[in-house]
């Protein structure tokens, strides 16, 4: 496995042999296909961080995300959501750079 990017809370890896990705959430490592990674990115991108700072919109300051057809369920606080957004943005940036270098 090759480390793609590491943030304070999370890490992303690419496994060329198995043709998949892994996200290490600290307490759990989840195997994802590229389509599942795209779906995760879409879910995370739609989270409104500003609502975490408005008690009327998000009183608890948490987000609940399901992955891989509800196989995994995660509860994230505001800092973890911001960190996950950074991880996915950087992971896809690195994948894009790798594709440019290889061509």
N, C-alpha and C. Protein backbone atom coordinates (compact mmCIF):
# COMPACT_ATOMS: atom_id res chain seq x y z
N UNK A 1 0.84 -1.18 0.00
CA UNK A 1 0.00 0.00 0.00
C UNK A 1 0.88 1.24 0.00
N UNK A 2 0.45 2.20 -0.77
CA UNK A 2 1.16 3.47 -0.85
C UNK A 2 0.36 4.55 -0.15
N UNK A 3 1.00 5.26 0.76
CA UNK A 3 0.36 6.38 1.43
C UNK A 3 0.15 7.50 0.42
N UNK A 4 -1.09 7.96 0.28
CA UNK A 4 -1.37 9.09 -0.61
C UNK A 4 -1.32 10.40 0.16
N UNK A 5 -2.01 10.44 1.31
CA UNK A 5 -2.06 11.68 2.07
C UNK A 5 -2.43 11.36 3.51
N UNK A 6 -1.91 12.14 4.43
CA UNK A 6 -2.20 11.96 5.85
C UNK A 6 -2.54 13.30 6.45
N UNK A 7 -3.63 13.32 7.20
CA UNK A 7 -4.03 14.52 7.94
C UNK A 7 -3.92 14.20 9.43
N UNK A 8 -4.39 15.09 10.25
CA UNK A 8 -4.30 14.89 11.69
C UNK A 8 -5.09 13.66 12.14
N UNK A 9 -6.28 13.48 11.59
CA UNK A 9 -7.15 12.37 12.02
C UNK A 9 -7.12 11.16 11.09
N UNK A 10 -6.91 11.38 9.80
CA UNK A 10 -7.12 10.33 8.80
C UNK A 10 -5.93 10.16 7.86
N UNK A 11 -5.92 9.02 7.16
CA UNK A 11 -4.90 8.74 6.13
C UNK A 11 -5.57 8.04 4.96
N UNK A 12 -5.04 8.29 3.76
CA UNK A 12 -5.54 7.59 2.57
C UNK A 12 -4.39 6.82 1.94
N UNK A 13 -4.72 5.64 1.44
CA UNK A 13 -3.74 4.75 0.84
C UNK A 13 -4.28 4.22 -0.48
N UNK A 14 -3.36 3.87 -1.38
CA UNK A 14 -3.72 3.22 -2.63
C UNK A 14 -3.01 1.88 -2.69
N UNK A 15 -3.73 0.84 -3.04
CA UNK A 15 -3.16 -0.49 -3.17
C UNK A 15 -3.24 -0.88 -4.64
N UNK A 16 -2.09 -0.91 -5.31
CA UNK A 16 -2.06 -1.24 -6.73
C UNK A 16 -2.37 -2.71 -6.98
N UNK A 17 -1.92 -3.60 -6.09
CA UNK A 17 -2.16 -5.02 -6.27
C UNK A 17 -3.65 -5.35 -6.24
N UNK A 18 -4.37 -4.78 -5.31
CA UNK A 18 -5.81 -5.06 -5.17
C UNK A 18 -6.68 -4.07 -5.93
N UNK A 19 -6.04 -3.04 -6.51
CA UNK A 19 -6.75 -2.01 -7.27
C UNK A 19 -7.87 -1.38 -6.45
N UNK A 20 -7.48 -0.91 -5.27
CA UNK A 20 -8.46 -0.28 -4.38
C UNK A 20 -7.78 0.79 -3.54
N UNK A 21 -8.56 1.43 -2.72
CA UNK A 21 -8.08 2.47 -1.83
C UNK A 21 -8.48 2.11 -0.41
N UNK A 22 -7.75 2.66 0.54
CA UNK A 22 -8.07 2.48 1.94
C UNK A 22 -8.08 3.84 2.61
N UNK A 23 -9.06 4.06 3.46
CA UNK A 23 -9.08 5.23 4.31
C UNK A 23 -8.93 4.72 5.74
N UNK A 24 -7.92 5.23 6.42
CA UNK A 24 -7.71 4.88 7.82
C UNK A 24 -8.35 5.97 8.67
N UNK A 25 -9.41 5.59 9.38
CA UNK A 25 -10.15 6.54 10.21
C UNK A 25 -9.63 6.55 11.64
N UNK A 26 -8.47 5.97 11.88
CA UNK A 26 -7.89 5.94 13.21
C UNK A 26 -8.23 4.66 13.94
N UNK A 27 -9.50 4.41 14.10
CA UNK A 27 -9.94 3.20 14.79
C UNK A 27 -10.39 2.12 13.83
N UNK A 28 -10.49 2.46 12.53
CA UNK A 28 -10.99 1.51 11.55
C UNK A 28 -10.43 1.85 10.18
N UNK A 29 -10.04 0.83 9.44
CA UNK A 29 -9.55 1.03 8.08
C UNK A 29 -10.59 0.45 7.12
N UNK A 30 -11.00 1.27 6.15
CA UNK A 30 -12.07 0.88 5.24
C UNK A 30 -11.51 0.75 3.83
N UNK A 31 -11.81 -0.38 3.20
CA UNK A 31 -11.41 -0.62 1.81
C UNK A 31 -12.48 -0.05 0.89
N UNK A 32 -12.04 0.73 -0.11
CA UNK A 32 -12.96 1.39 -1.03
C UNK A 32 -12.53 1.17 -2.47
N UNK A 33 -13.50 0.94 -3.34
CA UNK A 33 -13.22 0.98 -4.78
C UNK A 33 -13.12 2.45 -5.17
N UNK A 34 -12.72 2.71 -6.39
CA UNK A 34 -12.63 4.10 -6.83
C UNK A 34 -14.02 4.75 -6.84
N UNK A 35 -15.04 4.01 -7.26
CA UNK A 35 -16.41 4.54 -7.26
C UNK A 35 -16.88 4.87 -5.85
N UNK A 36 -16.54 4.03 -4.89
CA UNK A 36 -16.91 4.30 -3.50
C UNK A 36 -16.17 5.51 -2.96
N UNK A 37 -14.90 5.67 -3.37
CA UNK A 37 -14.14 6.85 -2.96
C UNK A 37 -14.77 8.12 -3.54
N UNK A 38 -15.21 8.04 -4.79
CA UNK A 38 -15.91 9.18 -5.40
C UNK A 38 -17.20 9.49 -4.66
N UNK A 39 -17.94 8.46 -4.28
CA UNK A 39 -19.19 8.66 -3.55
C UNK A 39 -18.93 9.30 -2.19
N UNK A 40 -17.87 8.87 -1.52
CA UNK A 40 -17.50 9.47 -0.24
C UNK A 40 -17.15 10.94 -0.43
N UNK A 41 -16.37 11.23 -1.46
CA UNK A 41 -16.01 12.63 -1.73
C UNK A 41 -17.26 13.48 -1.95
N UNK A 42 -18.22 12.95 -2.69
CA UNK A 42 -19.46 13.68 -2.96
C UNK A 42 -20.23 13.95 -1.66
N UNK A 43 -20.32 12.95 -0.80
CA UNK A 43 -21.02 13.12 0.47
C UNK A 43 -20.35 14.18 1.33
N UNK A 44 -19.03 14.12 1.39
CA UNK A 44 -18.29 15.05 2.24
C UNK A 44 -18.34 16.46 1.68
N UNK A 45 -18.28 16.60 0.36
CA UNK A 45 -18.33 17.92 -0.25
C UNK A 45 -19.66 18.62 0.00
N UNK A 46 -20.73 17.86 0.16
CA UNK A 46 -22.04 18.48 0.36
C UNK A 46 -22.30 18.91 1.81
N UNK A 47 -21.39 18.57 2.71
CA UNK A 47 -21.56 18.98 4.11
C UNK A 47 -21.29 20.47 4.23
N UNK A 48 -22.22 21.17 4.82
CA UNK A 48 -22.09 22.62 5.03
C UNK A 48 -21.41 22.87 6.37
N UNK A 49 -20.14 23.22 6.32
CA UNK A 49 -19.37 23.46 7.55
C UNK A 49 -19.95 24.65 8.32
N UNK A 50 -20.45 25.66 7.61
CA UNK A 50 -21.00 26.84 8.28
C UNK A 50 -22.14 26.46 9.21
N UNK A 51 -22.89 25.42 8.86
CA UNK A 51 -24.01 25.01 9.71
C UNK A 51 -23.53 24.46 11.06
N UNK A 52 -22.29 24.02 11.14
CA UNK A 52 -21.74 23.52 12.39
C UNK A 52 -21.54 24.64 13.42
N UNK A 53 -21.49 25.87 12.93
CA UNK A 53 -21.28 27.01 13.81
C UNK A 53 -22.57 27.78 14.09
N UNK A 54 -23.68 27.25 13.59
CA UNK A 54 -24.99 27.84 13.84
C UNK A 54 -25.83 26.82 14.60
N UNK A 55 -26.07 27.09 15.86
CA UNK A 55 -26.79 26.15 16.73
C UNK A 55 -28.22 25.86 16.23
N UNK A 56 -28.80 26.77 15.46
CA UNK A 56 -30.15 26.54 14.92
C UNK A 56 -30.13 25.51 13.78
N UNK A 57 -29.02 25.44 13.04
CA UNK A 57 -28.93 24.52 11.91
C UNK A 57 -28.35 23.17 12.28
N UNK A 58 -27.38 23.15 13.18
CA UNK A 58 -26.74 21.90 13.58
C UNK A 58 -26.37 22.01 15.06
N UNK A 59 -27.32 21.72 15.90
CA UNK A 59 -27.14 21.92 17.35
C UNK A 59 -26.00 21.07 17.91
N UNK A 60 -25.90 19.84 17.46
CA UNK A 60 -24.90 18.93 18.04
C UNK A 60 -23.50 19.12 17.45
N UNK A 61 -23.40 19.70 16.27
CA UNK A 61 -22.09 19.87 15.64
C UNK A 61 -21.49 18.57 15.16
N UNK A 62 -22.34 17.61 14.79
CA UNK A 62 -21.83 16.33 14.28
C UNK A 62 -22.45 16.02 12.93
N UNK A 63 -21.78 15.14 12.21
CA UNK A 63 -22.28 14.62 10.94
C UNK A 63 -22.24 13.11 11.01
N UNK A 64 -23.27 12.48 10.49
CA UNK A 64 -23.32 11.03 10.40
C UNK A 64 -23.23 10.66 8.93
N UNK A 65 -22.24 9.83 8.61
CA UNK A 65 -21.99 9.44 7.22
C UNK A 65 -21.98 7.92 7.13
N UNK A 66 -22.67 7.40 6.13
CA UNK A 66 -22.62 5.97 5.85
C UNK A 66 -21.78 5.75 4.60
N UNK A 67 -21.07 4.64 4.59
CA UNK A 67 -20.20 4.31 3.46
C UNK A 67 -20.53 2.92 2.94
N UNK A 68 -20.19 2.70 1.69
CA UNK A 68 -20.25 1.37 1.07
C UNK A 68 -21.61 0.71 1.27
N UNK A 69 -22.66 1.34 0.79
CA UNK A 69 -24.01 0.79 0.89
C UNK A 69 -24.40 0.49 2.33
N UNK A 70 -24.10 1.43 3.19
CA UNK A 70 -24.44 1.36 4.62
C UNK A 70 -23.72 0.25 5.37
N UNK A 71 -22.62 -0.19 4.83
CA UNK A 71 -21.80 -1.20 5.53
C UNK A 71 -21.05 -0.57 6.70
N UNK A 72 -20.72 0.71 6.58
CA UNK A 72 -19.98 1.42 7.62
C UNK A 72 -20.74 2.68 7.99
N UNK A 73 -20.74 3.01 9.26
CA UNK A 73 -21.39 4.21 9.77
C UNK A 73 -20.38 4.98 10.62
N UNK A 74 -20.23 6.26 10.35
CA UNK A 74 -19.28 7.09 11.09
C UNK A 74 -19.98 8.34 11.61
N UNK A 75 -19.57 8.77 12.78
CA UNK A 75 -20.04 10.01 13.38
C UNK A 75 -18.81 10.91 13.54
N UNK A 76 -18.87 12.08 12.90
CA UNK A 76 -17.74 13.00 12.91
C UNK A 76 -18.13 14.31 13.57
N UNK A 77 -17.19 14.89 14.32
CA UNK A 77 -17.41 16.24 14.85
C UNK A 77 -16.91 17.25 13.81
N UNK A 78 -17.03 18.51 14.12
CA UNK A 78 -16.70 19.58 13.17
C UNK A 78 -15.25 19.50 12.71
N UNK A 79 -14.31 19.33 13.64
CA UNK A 79 -12.90 19.27 13.26
C UNK A 79 -12.60 18.06 12.38
N UNK A 80 -13.23 16.95 12.66
CA UNK A 80 -13.03 15.76 11.84
C UNK A 80 -13.61 15.94 10.44
N UNK A 81 -14.73 16.61 10.33
CA UNK A 81 -15.32 16.87 9.01
C UNK A 81 -14.39 17.76 8.19
N UNK A 82 -13.86 18.79 8.82
CA UNK A 82 -12.93 19.67 8.11
C UNK A 82 -11.68 18.90 7.68
N UNK A 83 -11.20 18.02 8.55
CA UNK A 83 -10.03 17.21 8.25
C UNK A 83 -10.32 16.23 7.12
N UNK A 84 -11.49 15.63 7.13
CA UNK A 84 -11.89 14.68 6.08
C UNK A 84 -12.02 15.39 4.74
N UNK A 85 -12.56 16.60 4.75
CA UNK A 85 -12.64 17.38 3.51
C UNK A 85 -11.23 17.62 2.94
N UNK A 86 -10.30 17.98 3.81
CA UNK A 86 -8.92 18.21 3.38
C UNK A 86 -8.29 16.93 2.84
N UNK A 87 -8.51 15.82 3.53
CA UNK A 87 -7.95 14.54 3.10
C UNK A 87 -8.43 14.17 1.70
N UNK A 88 -9.72 14.27 1.47
CA UNK A 88 -10.26 13.87 0.17
C UNK A 88 -9.82 14.82 -0.94
N UNK A 89 -9.77 16.10 -0.64
CA UNK A 89 -9.30 17.07 -1.64
C UNK A 89 -7.85 16.77 -2.02
N UNK A 90 -7.01 16.54 -1.04
CA UNK A 90 -5.59 16.25 -1.30
C UNK A 90 -5.41 14.90 -1.97
N UNK A 91 -6.18 13.91 -1.56
CA UNK A 91 -6.08 12.57 -2.16
C UNK A 91 -6.39 12.63 -3.65
N UNK A 92 -7.46 13.28 -4.03
CA UNK A 92 -7.81 13.39 -5.44
C UNK A 92 -6.82 14.27 -6.19
N UNK A 93 -6.27 15.27 -5.52
CA UNK A 93 -5.21 16.08 -6.14
C UNK A 93 -3.98 15.26 -6.45
N UNK A 94 -3.59 14.40 -5.52
CA UNK A 94 -2.42 13.55 -5.72
C UNK A 94 -2.69 12.53 -6.83
N UNK A 95 -3.88 11.97 -6.85
CA UNK A 95 -4.23 11.02 -7.92
C UNK A 95 -4.17 11.69 -9.29
N UNK A 96 -4.62 12.94 -9.34
CA UNK A 96 -4.57 13.68 -10.60
C UNK A 96 -3.12 13.96 -11.01
N UNK A 97 -2.29 14.35 -10.05
CA UNK A 97 -0.87 14.58 -10.35
C UNK A 97 -0.19 13.30 -10.82
N UNK A 98 -0.49 12.18 -10.16
CA UNK A 98 0.09 10.91 -10.57
C UNK A 98 -0.29 10.55 -11.99
N UNK A 99 -1.53 10.82 -12.38
CA UNK A 99 -1.95 10.50 -13.74
C UNK A 99 -1.23 11.38 -14.76
N UNK A 100 -0.94 12.62 -14.39
CA UNK A 100 -0.21 13.51 -15.30
C UNK A 100 1.25 13.07 -15.45
N UNK A 101 1.84 12.62 -14.36
CA UNK A 101 3.24 12.19 -14.40
C UNK A 101 3.41 10.90 -15.22
N UNK A 102 2.44 10.02 -15.10
CA UNK A 102 2.53 8.74 -15.80
C UNK A 102 2.25 8.83 -17.29
N UNK A 103 1.65 9.94 -17.73
CA UNK A 103 1.34 10.06 -19.16
C UNK A 103 2.29 10.95 -19.86
